[in-house]
N, C-alpha and C. Protein backbone atom coordinates (compact mmCIF):
# COMPACT_ATOMS: atom_id res chain seq x y z
N MET A 1 99.46 80.10 124.15
CA MET A 1 99.59 81.54 124.28
C MET A 1 101.01 81.89 124.75
N THR A 2 101.61 82.89 124.11
CA THR A 2 102.97 83.28 124.44
C THR A 2 102.97 84.29 125.57
N ASP A 3 103.90 84.13 126.51
CA ASP A 3 104.05 85.08 127.60
C ASP A 3 104.90 86.24 127.10
N THR A 4 104.27 87.40 126.89
CA THR A 4 105.00 88.54 126.32
C THR A 4 106.05 89.09 127.26
N ALA A 5 105.98 88.77 128.55
CA ALA A 5 107.01 89.23 129.49
C ALA A 5 108.32 88.50 129.23
N THR A 6 108.25 87.25 128.78
CA THR A 6 109.48 86.50 128.51
C THR A 6 109.70 86.24 127.03
N ASP A 7 108.69 86.42 126.19
CA ASP A 7 108.86 86.29 124.74
C ASP A 7 108.23 87.50 124.05
N PRO A 8 109.00 88.57 123.93
CA PRO A 8 108.47 89.78 123.31
C PRO A 8 108.53 89.77 121.78
N ARG A 9 108.95 88.66 121.18
CA ARG A 9 109.13 88.63 119.72
C ARG A 9 107.86 88.93 118.93
N PRO A 10 106.70 88.37 119.29
CA PRO A 10 105.50 88.72 118.52
C PRO A 10 105.17 90.22 118.59
N ALA A 11 105.33 90.81 119.77
CA ALA A 11 105.07 92.24 119.90
C ALA A 11 106.08 93.05 119.09
N TYR A 12 107.35 92.63 119.11
CA TYR A 12 108.36 93.33 118.32
C TYR A 12 108.04 93.24 116.83
N ALA A 13 107.60 92.07 116.38
CA ALA A 13 107.23 91.92 114.97
C ALA A 13 106.12 92.89 114.60
N ALA A 14 105.13 93.02 115.47
CA ALA A 14 103.99 93.89 115.20
C ALA A 14 104.38 95.37 115.21
N VAL A 15 105.13 95.80 116.22
CA VAL A 15 105.46 97.23 116.30
C VAL A 15 106.47 97.64 115.23
N SER A 16 107.36 96.73 114.87
CA SER A 16 108.32 97.07 113.81
C SER A 16 107.64 97.11 112.45
N ALA A 17 106.60 96.31 112.24
CA ALA A 17 105.81 96.41 111.00
C ALA A 17 105.11 97.75 110.94
N TRP A 18 104.58 98.20 112.08
CA TRP A 18 103.94 99.52 112.15
C TRP A 18 104.96 100.60 111.81
N MET A 19 106.14 100.52 112.38
CA MET A 19 107.17 101.52 112.11
C MET A 19 107.52 101.54 110.62
N GLN A 20 107.64 100.38 110.02
CA GLN A 20 107.95 100.34 108.59
C GLN A 20 106.86 101.04 107.78
N SER A 21 105.60 100.82 108.15
CA SER A 21 104.51 101.48 107.43
C SER A 21 104.53 102.99 107.64
N LEU A 22 104.89 103.43 108.84
CA LEU A 22 104.99 104.87 109.10
C LEU A 22 106.11 105.49 108.27
N LEU A 23 107.26 104.84 108.22
CA LEU A 23 108.36 105.34 107.41
C LEU A 23 107.96 105.42 105.93
N ALA A 24 107.21 104.43 105.46
CA ALA A 24 106.75 104.44 104.07
C ALA A 24 105.79 105.59 103.79
N GLY A 25 105.14 106.09 104.84
CA GLY A 25 104.20 107.19 104.68
C GLY A 25 104.82 108.58 104.73
N VAL A 26 106.12 108.66 104.98
CA VAL A 26 106.79 109.96 105.03
C VAL A 26 107.04 110.45 103.61
N THR A 27 106.73 111.72 103.37
CA THR A 27 106.97 112.30 102.04
C THR A 27 108.25 113.14 102.07
N GLU A 28 108.83 113.32 100.91
CA GLU A 28 110.09 114.06 100.78
C GLU A 28 109.99 115.46 101.39
N ASP A 29 108.84 116.11 101.21
CA ASP A 29 108.69 117.48 101.72
C ASP A 29 108.53 117.53 103.25
N GLN A 30 108.42 116.39 103.91
CA GLN A 30 108.29 116.35 105.38
C GLN A 30 109.63 116.12 106.09
N LEU A 31 110.68 115.79 105.36
CA LEU A 31 111.93 115.37 105.98
C LEU A 31 112.57 116.41 106.88
N ALA A 32 112.37 117.68 106.61
CA ALA A 32 112.96 118.73 107.44
C ALA A 32 112.00 119.23 108.52
N ASP A 33 110.81 118.64 108.62
CA ASP A 33 109.82 119.07 109.61
C ASP A 33 110.25 118.67 111.03
N PRO A 34 109.79 119.45 112.03
CA PRO A 34 110.13 119.12 113.43
C PRO A 34 109.37 117.89 113.91
N THR A 35 109.87 117.29 114.97
CA THR A 35 109.23 116.14 115.61
C THR A 35 109.16 116.40 117.12
N PRO A 36 108.45 115.56 117.86
CA PRO A 36 108.45 115.70 119.32
C PRO A 36 109.82 115.49 119.96
N CYS A 37 110.77 114.90 119.24
CA CYS A 37 112.15 114.80 119.72
C CYS A 37 112.83 116.12 119.36
N ASP A 38 113.04 116.98 120.34
CA ASP A 38 113.51 118.34 120.07
C ASP A 38 114.73 118.39 119.16
N GLU A 39 115.64 117.44 119.32
CA GLU A 39 116.87 117.48 118.55
C GLU A 39 116.76 116.83 117.16
N PHE A 40 115.61 116.27 116.82
CA PHE A 40 115.43 115.54 115.57
C PHE A 40 114.40 116.20 114.67
N ASP A 41 114.76 116.39 113.40
CA ASP A 41 113.73 116.61 112.39
C ASP A 41 113.30 115.23 111.90
N VAL A 42 112.37 115.16 110.97
CA VAL A 42 111.83 113.87 110.52
C VAL A 42 112.94 112.99 109.94
N ARG A 43 113.81 113.57 109.12
CA ARG A 43 114.90 112.79 108.54
C ARG A 43 115.81 112.20 109.63
N THR A 44 116.19 113.01 110.59
CA THR A 44 117.08 112.54 111.65
C THR A 44 116.40 111.47 112.51
N LEU A 45 115.12 111.66 112.80
CA LEU A 45 114.38 110.64 113.54
C LEU A 45 114.36 109.32 112.76
N ALA A 46 114.13 109.40 111.46
CA ALA A 46 114.11 108.19 110.63
C ALA A 46 115.50 107.54 110.59
N ARG A 47 116.55 108.33 110.58
CA ARG A 47 117.91 107.78 110.65
C ARG A 47 118.13 107.06 111.99
N HIS A 48 117.61 107.65 113.08
CA HIS A 48 117.74 107.02 114.39
C HIS A 48 116.94 105.71 114.44
N VAL A 49 115.75 105.71 113.88
CA VAL A 49 114.92 104.51 113.86
C VAL A 49 115.64 103.39 113.10
N ASN A 50 116.28 103.70 111.99
CA ASN A 50 117.05 102.69 111.27
C ASN A 50 118.22 102.20 112.11
N ALA A 51 118.84 103.09 112.88
CA ALA A 51 119.92 102.67 113.78
C ALA A 51 119.39 101.75 114.87
N VAL A 52 118.18 102.01 115.37
CA VAL A 52 117.56 101.13 116.36
C VAL A 52 117.35 99.75 115.74
N GLY A 53 116.95 99.70 114.47
CA GLY A 53 116.83 98.43 113.77
C GLY A 53 118.17 97.70 113.69
N MET A 54 119.24 98.45 113.44
CA MET A 54 120.58 97.86 113.39
C MET A 54 120.96 97.29 114.76
N ARG A 55 120.59 98.01 115.81
CA ARG A 55 120.91 97.55 117.16
C ARG A 55 120.14 96.28 117.51
N SER A 56 118.91 96.19 117.08
CA SER A 56 118.13 94.99 117.35
C SER A 56 118.76 93.78 116.67
N VAL A 57 119.22 93.97 115.44
CA VAL A 57 119.92 92.89 114.73
C VAL A 57 121.18 92.49 115.51
N ALA A 58 121.97 93.48 115.90
CA ALA A 58 123.23 93.20 116.59
C ALA A 58 123.00 92.47 117.91
N LEU A 59 121.98 92.87 118.66
CA LEU A 59 121.70 92.19 119.93
C LEU A 59 121.43 90.71 119.71
N ALA A 60 120.62 90.40 118.71
CA ALA A 60 120.28 89.01 118.45
C ALA A 60 121.46 88.23 117.89
N GLU A 61 122.25 88.86 117.03
CA GLU A 61 123.34 88.15 116.36
C GLU A 61 124.61 88.05 117.19
N VAL A 62 125.00 89.14 117.87
CA VAL A 62 126.28 89.14 118.58
C VAL A 62 126.17 89.56 120.05
N ALA A 63 124.94 89.76 120.53
CA ALA A 63 124.65 90.02 121.95
C ALA A 63 125.19 91.34 122.48
N THR A 64 125.47 92.30 121.59
CA THR A 64 125.90 93.62 122.06
C THR A 64 125.55 94.67 121.00
N VAL A 65 125.34 95.90 121.46
CA VAL A 65 125.14 97.01 120.53
C VAL A 65 126.42 97.83 120.38
N GLU A 66 127.49 97.36 121.01
CA GLU A 66 128.76 98.08 120.91
C GLU A 66 129.15 98.23 119.44
N GLY A 67 129.53 99.45 119.09
CA GLY A 67 129.94 99.75 117.73
C GLY A 67 128.80 100.12 116.80
N GLN A 68 127.56 100.02 117.27
CA GLN A 68 126.42 100.38 116.44
C GLN A 68 126.19 101.88 116.50
N PRO A 69 125.79 102.49 115.39
CA PRO A 69 125.60 103.94 115.38
C PRO A 69 124.31 104.37 116.09
N PHE A 70 124.30 105.61 116.52
CA PHE A 70 123.09 106.22 117.06
C PHE A 70 122.18 106.68 115.92
N LEU A 71 122.80 107.08 114.81
CA LEU A 71 122.09 107.48 113.60
C LEU A 71 122.63 106.67 112.42
N ALA A 72 121.74 106.05 111.68
CA ALA A 72 122.13 105.35 110.46
C ALA A 72 122.28 106.36 109.33
N ASP A 73 122.97 105.96 108.28
CA ASP A 73 123.05 106.82 107.10
C ASP A 73 121.71 106.87 106.38
N GLU A 74 120.99 105.75 106.40
CA GLU A 74 119.73 105.63 105.68
C GLU A 74 118.55 106.07 106.55
N TYR A 75 117.49 106.50 105.89
CA TYR A 75 116.30 106.94 106.63
C TYR A 75 115.01 106.47 105.96
N ASP A 76 115.12 105.46 105.11
CA ASP A 76 113.97 105.03 104.31
C ASP A 76 113.33 103.76 104.86
N ALA A 77 112.10 103.52 104.43
CA ALA A 77 111.33 102.36 104.87
C ALA A 77 111.89 101.05 104.32
N THR A 78 112.47 101.08 103.12
CA THR A 78 113.01 99.86 102.53
C THR A 78 114.19 99.33 103.35
N THR A 79 115.09 100.23 103.73
CA THR A 79 116.22 99.83 104.57
C THR A 79 115.72 99.29 105.90
N TYR A 80 114.77 100.02 106.51
CA TYR A 80 114.23 99.56 107.79
C TYR A 80 113.58 98.18 107.63
N GLY A 81 112.86 97.97 106.55
CA GLY A 81 112.21 96.68 106.33
C GLY A 81 113.22 95.54 106.24
N ALA A 82 114.33 95.78 105.57
CA ALA A 82 115.37 94.75 105.47
C ALA A 82 115.98 94.48 106.85
N LEU A 83 116.21 95.53 107.62
CA LEU A 83 116.72 95.35 108.98
C LEU A 83 115.71 94.60 109.84
N ARG A 84 114.45 94.93 109.68
CA ARG A 84 113.39 94.28 110.44
C ARG A 84 113.37 92.78 110.16
N GLU A 85 113.42 92.41 108.89
CA GLU A 85 113.40 90.99 108.53
C GLU A 85 114.63 90.27 109.10
N ARG A 86 115.76 90.91 109.02
CA ARG A 86 116.99 90.30 109.56
C ARG A 86 116.88 90.15 111.08
N ALA A 87 116.35 91.19 111.74
CA ALA A 87 116.20 91.13 113.20
C ALA A 87 115.23 90.03 113.60
N LEU A 88 114.10 89.92 112.91
CA LEU A 88 113.12 88.90 113.26
C LEU A 88 113.72 87.50 113.12
N ALA A 89 114.45 87.27 112.04
CA ALA A 89 115.08 85.96 111.83
C ALA A 89 116.13 85.70 112.91
N ALA A 90 116.92 86.72 113.24
CA ALA A 90 117.97 86.54 114.24
C ALA A 90 117.37 86.30 115.62
N TRP A 91 116.31 87.02 115.97
CA TRP A 91 115.68 86.83 117.27
C TRP A 91 114.98 85.48 117.36
N ASP A 92 114.48 84.95 116.24
CA ASP A 92 113.89 83.61 116.26
C ASP A 92 114.93 82.56 116.65
N ALA A 93 116.19 82.80 116.27
CA ALA A 93 117.26 81.84 116.56
C ALA A 93 117.99 82.12 117.87
N ALA A 94 117.85 83.32 118.41
CA ALA A 94 118.61 83.71 119.61
C ALA A 94 117.91 83.24 120.88
N PRO A 95 118.67 82.78 121.87
CA PRO A 95 118.05 82.45 123.16
C PRO A 95 117.64 83.74 123.88
N LEU A 96 116.40 83.82 124.27
CA LEU A 96 115.89 85.05 124.87
C LEU A 96 116.45 85.33 126.25
N ASP A 97 116.94 84.30 126.93
CA ASP A 97 117.49 84.51 128.27
C ASP A 97 118.99 84.79 128.25
N ARG A 98 119.61 84.77 127.08
CA ARG A 98 121.04 85.08 126.97
C ARG A 98 121.28 86.54 127.36
N GLU A 99 122.33 86.79 128.10
CA GLU A 99 122.66 88.16 128.49
C GLU A 99 123.19 88.92 127.28
N VAL A 100 122.71 90.15 127.13
CA VAL A 100 123.14 91.03 126.05
C VAL A 100 123.58 92.36 126.65
N THR A 101 124.43 93.05 125.92
CA THR A 101 124.96 94.34 126.39
C THR A 101 124.29 95.46 125.62
N VAL A 102 123.60 96.31 126.36
CA VAL A 102 122.92 97.48 125.81
C VAL A 102 123.53 98.73 126.46
N PRO A 103 123.21 99.92 125.97
CA PRO A 103 123.84 101.12 126.53
C PRO A 103 123.63 101.29 128.04
N TRP A 104 122.56 100.72 128.60
CA TRP A 104 122.29 100.90 130.02
C TRP A 104 122.76 99.72 130.88
N GLY A 105 123.44 98.74 130.28
CA GLY A 105 123.97 97.65 131.08
C GLY A 105 123.85 96.30 130.41
N VAL A 106 123.94 95.25 131.20
CA VAL A 106 123.82 93.87 130.72
C VAL A 106 122.50 93.31 131.25
N VAL A 107 121.66 92.84 130.34
CA VAL A 107 120.33 92.35 130.70
C VAL A 107 120.01 91.12 129.85
N PRO A 108 119.02 90.32 130.27
CA PRO A 108 118.58 89.22 129.41
C PRO A 108 118.02 89.77 128.08
N GLY A 109 118.14 88.99 127.04
CA GLY A 109 117.68 89.42 125.72
C GLY A 109 116.23 89.84 125.70
N PHE A 110 115.37 89.11 126.42
CA PHE A 110 113.95 89.47 126.40
C PHE A 110 113.69 90.83 127.03
N VAL A 111 114.51 91.24 128.00
CA VAL A 111 114.37 92.58 128.59
C VAL A 111 114.80 93.64 127.59
N ALA A 112 115.94 93.40 126.93
CA ALA A 112 116.43 94.36 125.93
C ALA A 112 115.42 94.52 124.80
N LEU A 113 114.89 93.42 124.31
CA LEU A 113 113.93 93.51 123.22
C LEU A 113 112.65 94.21 123.68
N GLY A 114 112.27 94.01 124.93
CA GLY A 114 111.12 94.73 125.48
C GLY A 114 111.34 96.24 125.47
N MET A 115 112.56 96.65 125.77
CA MET A 115 112.85 98.09 125.74
C MET A 115 112.89 98.62 124.30
N TYR A 116 113.28 97.78 123.35
CA TYR A 116 113.25 98.21 121.95
C TYR A 116 111.82 98.28 121.43
N ILE A 117 110.93 97.48 121.99
CA ILE A 117 109.50 97.62 121.67
C ILE A 117 109.03 98.99 122.13
N ASN A 118 109.38 99.36 123.36
CA ASN A 118 109.03 100.67 123.87
C ASN A 118 109.58 101.76 122.96
N GLU A 119 110.85 101.68 122.61
CA GLU A 119 111.47 102.72 121.78
C GLU A 119 110.80 102.81 120.41
N THR A 120 110.46 101.67 119.84
CA THR A 120 109.81 101.66 118.53
C THR A 120 108.42 102.28 118.61
N LEU A 121 107.67 101.97 119.65
CA LEU A 121 106.34 102.57 119.81
C LEU A 121 106.43 104.08 120.02
N VAL A 122 107.35 104.51 120.87
CA VAL A 122 107.46 105.94 121.16
C VAL A 122 107.92 106.70 119.92
N HIS A 123 108.94 106.19 119.23
CA HIS A 123 109.39 106.88 118.02
C HIS A 123 108.38 106.74 116.89
N GLY A 124 107.59 105.68 116.90
CA GLY A 124 106.48 105.60 115.95
C GLY A 124 105.48 106.71 116.19
N TRP A 125 105.16 106.93 117.46
CA TRP A 125 104.27 108.03 117.80
C TRP A 125 104.88 109.36 117.38
N ASP A 126 106.16 109.55 117.68
CA ASP A 126 106.85 110.79 117.28
C ASP A 126 106.73 111.02 115.77
N LEU A 127 107.05 109.99 115.01
CA LEU A 127 107.05 110.11 113.55
C LEU A 127 105.64 110.35 113.02
N ALA A 128 104.68 109.64 113.58
CA ALA A 128 103.30 109.77 113.11
C ALA A 128 102.74 111.17 113.36
N VAL A 129 102.93 111.71 114.56
CA VAL A 129 102.38 113.04 114.81
C VAL A 129 103.10 114.09 113.98
N ALA A 130 104.38 113.89 113.72
CA ALA A 130 105.14 114.87 112.94
C ALA A 130 104.74 114.85 111.46
N THR A 131 104.22 113.73 110.99
CA THR A 131 103.93 113.59 109.56
C THR A 131 102.44 113.44 109.27
N GLY A 132 101.60 113.63 110.28
CA GLY A 132 100.16 113.60 110.06
C GLY A 132 99.58 112.21 109.86
N GLN A 133 100.25 111.18 110.38
CA GLN A 133 99.73 109.82 110.30
C GLN A 133 99.07 109.44 111.63
N ASP A 134 98.36 108.33 111.64
CA ASP A 134 97.68 107.90 112.87
C ASP A 134 98.74 107.53 113.91
N PRO A 135 98.78 108.25 115.05
CA PRO A 135 99.84 108.03 116.03
C PRO A 135 99.55 106.93 117.05
N GLU A 136 98.42 106.28 116.94
CA GLU A 136 98.08 105.24 117.92
C GLU A 136 98.28 103.85 117.32
N PHE A 137 99.09 103.04 118.01
CA PHE A 137 99.29 101.66 117.59
C PHE A 137 97.99 100.89 117.83
N ALA A 138 97.63 100.04 116.90
CA ALA A 138 96.30 99.41 116.91
C ALA A 138 96.07 98.44 118.07
N ASP A 139 97.12 97.80 118.58
CA ASP A 139 96.94 96.78 119.62
C ASP A 139 97.27 97.37 120.99
N ALA A 140 96.24 97.78 121.71
CA ALA A 140 96.44 98.41 123.02
C ALA A 140 97.12 97.47 124.01
N ALA A 141 96.93 96.16 123.88
CA ALA A 141 97.56 95.22 124.80
C ALA A 141 99.09 95.25 124.65
N VAL A 142 99.57 95.41 123.43
CA VAL A 142 101.02 95.53 123.20
C VAL A 142 101.54 96.80 123.84
N VAL A 143 100.80 97.89 123.67
CA VAL A 143 101.21 99.17 124.28
C VAL A 143 101.20 99.05 125.80
N ASP A 144 100.17 98.41 126.35
CA ASP A 144 100.10 98.23 127.81
C ASP A 144 101.29 97.42 128.32
N GLY A 145 101.68 96.38 127.57
CA GLY A 145 102.85 95.59 127.97
C GLY A 145 104.12 96.41 127.94
N ALA A 146 104.28 97.24 126.91
CA ALA A 146 105.45 98.12 126.84
C ALA A 146 105.44 99.12 127.98
N PHE A 147 104.26 99.62 128.32
CA PHE A 147 104.14 100.60 129.41
C PHE A 147 104.58 99.97 130.73
N ALA A 148 104.13 98.74 130.99
CA ALA A 148 104.52 98.06 132.23
C ALA A 148 106.03 97.86 132.29
N THR A 149 106.62 97.48 131.16
CA THR A 149 108.07 97.27 131.09
C THR A 149 108.82 98.57 131.38
N VAL A 150 108.41 99.63 130.71
CA VAL A 150 109.17 100.88 130.84
C VAL A 150 108.93 101.55 132.19
N GLN A 151 107.75 101.39 132.78
CA GLN A 151 107.53 101.95 134.11
C GLN A 151 108.44 101.28 135.14
N ALA A 152 108.66 99.97 134.97
CA ALA A 152 109.55 99.27 135.89
C ALA A 152 111.01 99.65 135.65
N ALA A 153 111.38 99.78 134.38
CA ALA A 153 112.78 100.04 134.04
C ALA A 153 113.16 101.51 134.14
N LEU A 154 112.18 102.39 134.01
CA LEU A 154 112.45 103.82 133.94
C LEU A 154 111.49 104.59 134.84
N PRO A 155 111.59 104.40 136.16
CA PRO A 155 110.66 105.08 137.06
C PRO A 155 110.82 106.60 137.00
N ALA A 156 109.76 107.28 137.33
CA ALA A 156 109.75 108.74 137.26
C ALA A 156 110.83 109.36 138.15
N GLN A 157 111.14 108.69 139.26
CA GLN A 157 112.07 109.26 140.24
C GLN A 157 113.49 109.44 139.72
N ILE A 158 113.89 108.67 138.70
CA ILE A 158 115.28 108.78 138.22
C ILE A 158 115.44 109.80 137.11
N ARG A 159 114.36 110.40 136.65
CA ARG A 159 114.46 111.38 135.58
C ARG A 159 115.29 112.57 136.05
N GLY A 160 116.12 113.05 135.16
CA GLY A 160 116.96 114.19 135.49
C GLY A 160 118.28 113.81 136.15
N MET A 161 118.42 112.52 136.52
CA MET A 161 119.68 112.09 137.12
C MET A 161 120.74 112.00 136.02
N GLU A 162 121.97 112.16 136.40
CA GLU A 162 123.06 112.09 135.44
C GLU A 162 123.07 110.73 134.75
N GLY A 163 123.20 110.76 133.43
CA GLY A 163 123.26 109.54 132.65
C GLY A 163 121.91 108.98 132.24
N VAL A 164 120.81 109.58 132.66
CA VAL A 164 119.47 109.11 132.29
C VAL A 164 118.98 109.99 131.14
N PRO A 165 118.92 109.43 129.92
CA PRO A 165 118.60 110.25 128.75
C PRO A 165 117.10 110.42 128.50
N PHE A 166 116.34 110.59 129.57
CA PHE A 166 114.89 110.78 129.44
C PHE A 166 114.48 111.99 130.25
N GLY A 167 113.61 112.80 129.69
CA GLY A 167 113.09 113.95 130.41
C GLY A 167 112.04 113.53 131.41
N PRO A 168 111.53 114.49 132.15
CA PRO A 168 110.48 114.20 133.12
C PRO A 168 109.24 113.62 132.45
N VAL A 169 108.49 112.84 133.21
CA VAL A 169 107.22 112.32 132.72
C VAL A 169 106.32 113.50 132.38
N VAL A 170 105.65 113.42 131.23
CA VAL A 170 104.73 114.46 130.79
C VAL A 170 103.32 114.04 131.18
N GLU A 171 102.59 114.95 131.78
CA GLU A 171 101.19 114.68 132.13
C GLU A 171 100.39 114.55 130.84
N PRO A 172 99.72 113.41 130.62
CA PRO A 172 98.96 113.24 129.37
C PRO A 172 97.82 114.25 129.25
N ARG A 173 97.58 114.67 128.04
CA ARG A 173 96.45 115.57 127.79
C ARG A 173 95.15 114.78 127.89
N GLU A 174 94.07 115.46 128.10
CA GLU A 174 92.77 114.79 128.15
C GLU A 174 92.50 114.14 126.80
N GLY A 175 92.08 112.91 126.83
CA GLY A 175 91.77 112.18 125.61
C GLY A 175 92.97 111.51 124.95
N ALA A 176 94.14 111.55 125.59
CA ALA A 176 95.32 110.90 125.01
C ALA A 176 95.10 109.39 124.94
N GLY A 177 95.50 108.80 123.83
CA GLY A 177 95.40 107.36 123.67
C GLY A 177 96.56 106.64 124.33
N PRO A 178 96.54 105.31 124.34
CA PRO A 178 97.59 104.54 125.01
C PRO A 178 98.99 104.81 124.49
N THR A 179 99.16 104.94 123.18
CA THR A 179 100.50 105.17 122.64
C THR A 179 101.00 106.56 123.02
N GLU A 180 100.13 107.54 122.99
CA GLU A 180 100.52 108.88 123.41
C GLU A 180 100.90 108.90 124.89
N ARG A 181 100.13 108.18 125.73
CA ARG A 181 100.47 108.13 127.15
C ARG A 181 101.82 107.46 127.38
N LEU A 182 102.11 106.42 126.58
CA LEU A 182 103.43 105.78 126.65
C LEU A 182 104.52 106.78 126.27
N ALA A 183 104.30 107.52 125.20
CA ALA A 183 105.27 108.54 124.79
C ALA A 183 105.45 109.58 125.89
N ASN A 184 104.35 109.98 126.52
CA ASN A 184 104.42 110.95 127.61
C ASN A 184 105.26 110.41 128.77
N TRP A 185 105.11 109.12 129.10
CA TRP A 185 105.90 108.53 130.17
C TRP A 185 107.39 108.61 129.83
N ASN A 186 107.68 108.47 128.54
CA ASN A 186 109.07 108.55 128.08
C ASN A 186 109.55 109.99 127.95
N GLY A 187 108.71 110.96 128.31
CA GLY A 187 109.10 112.37 128.29
C GLY A 187 108.81 113.08 126.99
N HIS A 188 108.02 112.46 126.09
CA HIS A 188 107.73 113.05 124.79
C HIS A 188 106.33 113.71 124.82
N HIS A 189 106.23 114.83 124.13
CA HIS A 189 104.95 115.48 123.93
C HIS A 189 105.04 116.30 122.66
N TRP A 190 103.90 116.68 122.14
CA TRP A 190 103.86 117.41 120.87
C TRP A 190 103.26 118.78 121.11
N THR A 191 104.05 119.80 120.79
CA THR A 191 103.58 121.17 120.99
C THR A 191 103.55 121.97 119.70
N ALA A 192 103.96 121.36 118.58
CA ALA A 192 103.98 122.10 117.30
C ALA A 192 102.56 122.44 116.89
N SER A 193 102.43 123.53 116.18
CA SER A 193 101.09 123.95 115.75
C SER A 193 100.67 123.23 114.49
């Protein structure tokens, strides 16, 4: 059995496959629709998700996200799938305890990949609710692991501090599933009609 705290690769493989399927489910007429990310429509969110894929590749291959875009030019599932495959292969070869440079500092690779699992789940939820797809990731244990990671790395007390790009924790609605609660912890909620 793999320890997901020190080897997040299986969880990353699973959540990135989910993201690829969500991107494949987006229709052309949904690209300008709003998302729970106030500054992103569906197209822009998909461009950001592809950039997150590029960052995951860069972390495994060169140990830094320096020079990687916040938004990719592409926003399609095929591009994301190619990035996903490249990232999975690179992470299989990369030492997980090697220090990598991410926007918030220098951390071991397994910590950085754990945060990218969180980001993929949250943006998967964002994309799914915006496009009418199932917003709950099927494996609650993976979501619980991401929740534990992000609660430790992003406590509620630091929200609103300078340089912290996360809004306040959102109180989950009654009946919210694990992925929605994770998104709420990250400051995301859905208010569109």
